[in-house]
C-alpha atoms as a PDB file:
ATOM      1  CA  TRP A   1       2.629   2.588 -15.372  1.00  0.00           C
ATOM      2  CA  LYS A   2       3.089  -0.434 -13.127  1.00  0.00           C
ATOM      3  CA  THR A   3       6.881  -0.154 -13.005  1.00  0.00           C
ATOM      4  CA  ASP A   4       6.590   3.617 -12.530  1.00  0.00           C
ATOM      5  CA  VAL A   5       4.505   3.027  -9.407  1.00  0.00           C
ATOM      6  CA  VAL A   6       7.032   0.553  -8.030  1.00  0.00           C
ATOM      7  CA  SER A   7       9.959   2.898  -8.637  1.00  0.00           C
ATOM      8  CA  LEU A   8       8.059   5.965  -7.413  1.00  0.00           C
ATOM      9  CA  LEU A   9       6.901   4.297  -4.209  1.00  0.00           C
ATOM     10  CA  GLY A  10      10.159   2.398  -3.818  1.00  0.00           C
ATOM     11  CA  ALA A  11       8.524  -0.900  -2.967  1.00  0.00           C
ATOM     12  CA  SER A  12       7.398  -4.185  -4.403  1.00  0.00           C
ATOM     13  CA  PHE A  13       4.132  -5.802  -3.433  1.00  0.00           C
ATOM     14  CA  GLN A  14       2.267  -9.088  -3.302  1.00  0.00           C
ATOM     15  CA  PRO A  15      -1.397  -9.847  -2.560  1.00  0.00           C
ATOM     16  CA  VAL A  16      -2.048 -11.056   0.979  1.00  0.00           C
ATOM     17  CA  GLU A  17      -2.679 -14.785   1.462  1.00  0.00           C
ATOM     18  CA  LYS A  18      -6.268 -15.699   2.366  1.00  0.00           C
ATOM     19  CA  ASP A  19      -5.377 -17.105   5.808  1.00  0.00           C
ATOM     20  CA  GLY A  20      -3.521 -13.906   6.644  1.00  0.00           C
ATOM     21  CA  LEU A  21      -6.605 -11.847   5.829  1.00  0.00           C
ATOM     22  CA  LYS A  22      -8.813 -13.580   8.374  1.00  0.00           C
ATOM     23  CA  SER A  23      -6.362 -13.279  11.239  1.00  0.00           C
ATOM     24  CA  LEU A  24      -5.998  -9.541  10.582  1.00  0.00           C
ATOM     25  CA  GLY A  25      -9.707  -8.952  10.019  1.00  0.00           C
ATOM     26  CA  ILE A  26      -9.263  -7.489   6.534  1.00  0.00           C
ATOM     27  CA  ASN A  27     -10.822  -8.368   3.170  1.00  0.00           C
ATOM     28  CA  GLY A  28      -7.714  -7.937   1.084  1.00  0.00           C
ATOM     29  CA  GLY A  29      -4.649  -5.878   0.530  1.00  0.00           C
ATOM     30  CA  LEU A  30      -1.189  -5.596  -0.954  1.00  0.00           C
ATOM     31  CA  GLN A  31       1.728  -6.445   1.284  1.00  0.00           C
ATOM     32  CA  ILE A  32       5.083  -4.716   0.912  1.00  0.00           C
ATOM     33  CA  VAL A  33       7.646  -7.457   0.373  1.00  0.00           C
ATOM     34  CA  ASP A  34      10.575  -5.191  -0.374  1.00  0.00           C
ATOM     35  CA  ILE A  35      11.127  -1.510   0.317  1.00  0.00           C
ATOM     36  CA  GLU A  36      13.909   0.884  -0.645  1.00  0.00           C
ATOM     37  CA  LYS A  37      14.320   4.605  -1.309  1.00  0.00           C
ATOM     38  CA  GLY A  38      11.050   6.158  -2.336  1.00  0.00           C
ATOM     39  CA  LYS A  39       7.825   7.783  -1.171  1.00  0.00           C
ATOM     40  CA  LEU A  40       6.775   4.963   1.154  1.00  0.00           C
ATOM     41  CA  LEU A  41      10.072   4.702   3.036  1.00  0.00           C
ATOM     42  CA  ASN A  42      10.210   8.497   3.364  1.00  0.00           C
ATOM     43  CA  ALA A  43       6.702   8.440   4.864  1.00  0.00           C
ATOM     44  CA  GLY A  44       7.826   5.902   7.486  1.00  0.00           C
ATOM     45  CA  VAL A  45       6.252   2.774   6.002  1.00  0.00           C
ATOM     46  CA  ARG A  46       8.082  -0.454   6.877  1.00  0.00           C
ATOM     47  CA  LYS A  47       8.436  -3.786   5.090  1.00  0.00           C
ATOM     48  CA  GLY A  48       5.515  -6.125   5.772  1.00  0.00           C
ATOM     49  CA  PHE A  49       2.920  -3.327   5.826  1.00  0.00           C
ATOM     50  CA  ILE A  50      -0.335  -4.316   4.133  1.00  0.00           C
ATOM     51  CA  ILE A  51      -2.005  -1.532   2.164  1.00  0.00           C
ATOM     52  CA  THR A  52      -5.795  -1.894   2.359  1.00  0.00           C
ATOM     53  CA  PHE A  53      -6.946   1.513   1.082  1.00  0.00           C
ATOM     54  CA  VAL A  54      -5.428   4.318  -0.994  1.00  0.00           C
ATOM     55  CA  ASN A  55      -7.365   7.600  -0.875  1.00  0.00           C
ATOM     56  CA  GLY A  56     -10.421   5.689   0.341  1.00  0.00           C
ATOM     57  CA  GLN A  57     -10.314   3.173  -2.511  1.00  0.00           C
ATOM     58  CA  SER A  58      -9.990  -0.515  -1.633  1.00  0.00           C
ATOM     59  CA  VAL A  59      -6.721  -2.112  -2.750  1.00  0.00           C
ATOM     60  CA  GLN A  60      -6.706  -5.867  -3.419  1.00  0.00           C
ATOM     61  CA  LYS A  61      -4.211  -6.163  -6.262  1.00  0.00           C
ATOM     62  CA  MET A  62      -1.545  -4.172  -8.086  1.00  0.00           C
ATOM     63  CA  GLU A  63      -4.048  -2.807 -10.621  1.00  0.00           C
ATOM     64  CA  ASP A  64      -6.099  -1.293  -7.764  1.00  0.00           C
ATOM     65  CA  LEU A  65      -3.023   0.488  -6.470  1.00  0.00           C
ATOM     66  CA  THR A  66      -2.047   1.947  -9.842  1.00  0.00           C
ATOM     67  CA  GLU A  67      -5.675   2.932 -10.510  1.00  0.00           C
ATOM     68  CA  ALA A  68      -5.998   4.717  -7.151  1.00  0.00           C
ATOM     69  CA  LEU A  69      -2.767   6.625  -7.769  1.00  0.00           C
ATOM     70  CA  LYS A  70      -3.768   7.540 -11.340  1.00  0.00           C
ATOM     71  CA  LYS A  71      -7.108   8.952 -10.161  1.00  0.00           C
ATOM     72  CA  ASN A  72      -5.257  11.126  -7.717  1.00  0.00           C
ATOM     73  CA  SER A  73      -5.691  14.636  -9.086  1.00  0.00           C
ATOM     74  CA  ASN A  74      -4.411  16.735  -6.178  1.00  0.00           C
ATOM     75  CA  GLY A  75      -1.074  14.951  -5.735  1.00  0.00           C
ATOM     76  CA  GLY A  76      -1.727  13.876  -2.133  1.00  0.00           C
ATOM     77  CA  VAL A  77      -1.810  10.201  -1.216  1.00  0.00           C
ATOM     78  CA  TYR A  78      -3.448   8.801   1.907  1.00  0.00           C
ATOM     79  CA  ILE A  79      -2.702   5.154   2.649  1.00  0.00           C
ATOM     80  CA  GLU A  80      -4.463   2.997   5.216  1.00  0.00           C
ATOM     81  CA  GLY A  81      -3.400  -0.459   6.250  1.00  0.00           C
ATOM     82  CA  VAL A  82      -2.176  -2.870   8.863  1.00  0.00           C
ATOM     83  CA  TYR A  83       1.064  -4.534   9.896  1.00  0.00           C
ATOM     84  CA  PRO A  84       1.250  -8.338  10.297  1.00  0.00           C
ATOM     85  CA  ASN A  85       1.209  -7.871  14.097  1.00  0.00           C
ATOM     86  CA  GLY A  86      -2.250  -6.296  13.793  1.00  0.00           C
ATOM     87  CA  MET A  87      -1.169  -2.670  14.309  1.00  0.00           C
ATOM     88  CA  ARG A  88      -3.182  -0.354  12.068  1.00  0.00           C
ATOM     89  CA  ALA A  89      -1.349   2.554  10.470  1.00  0.00           C
ATOM     90  CA  TYR A  90      -2.031   5.540   8.232  1.00  0.00           C
ATOM     91  CA  TYR A  91       0.421   7.410   6.037  1.00  0.00           C
ATOM     92  CA  ALA A  92       0.131  10.483   3.857  1.00  0.00           C
ATOM     93  CA  PHE A  93       2.555  11.934   1.327  1.00  0.00           C
ATOM     94  CA  GLY A  94       2.653  13.999  -1.837  1.00  0.00           C
ATOM     95  CA  LEU A  95       3.407  12.565  -5.259  1.00  0.00           C
END
């Protein structure tokens, strides 16, 4: 499922470094390190974006992301997060 998520979303992720968390005022998240064709790019998400919540569920690691997407019964995805410059952003798309 993990590779399906990466190919579906069109991005690869890494957990955010601890020092980065403090400066952004977040507890954790997955940062987009690479983005190509896929759901995220189509929704307007840019490289560097840090996903903090998916459908209201906290995302700290890859397993959290796949779990949140698996639980998604209605096909809609709502992503909350922040860019490294501190700008908060919200994206929604269908799976």
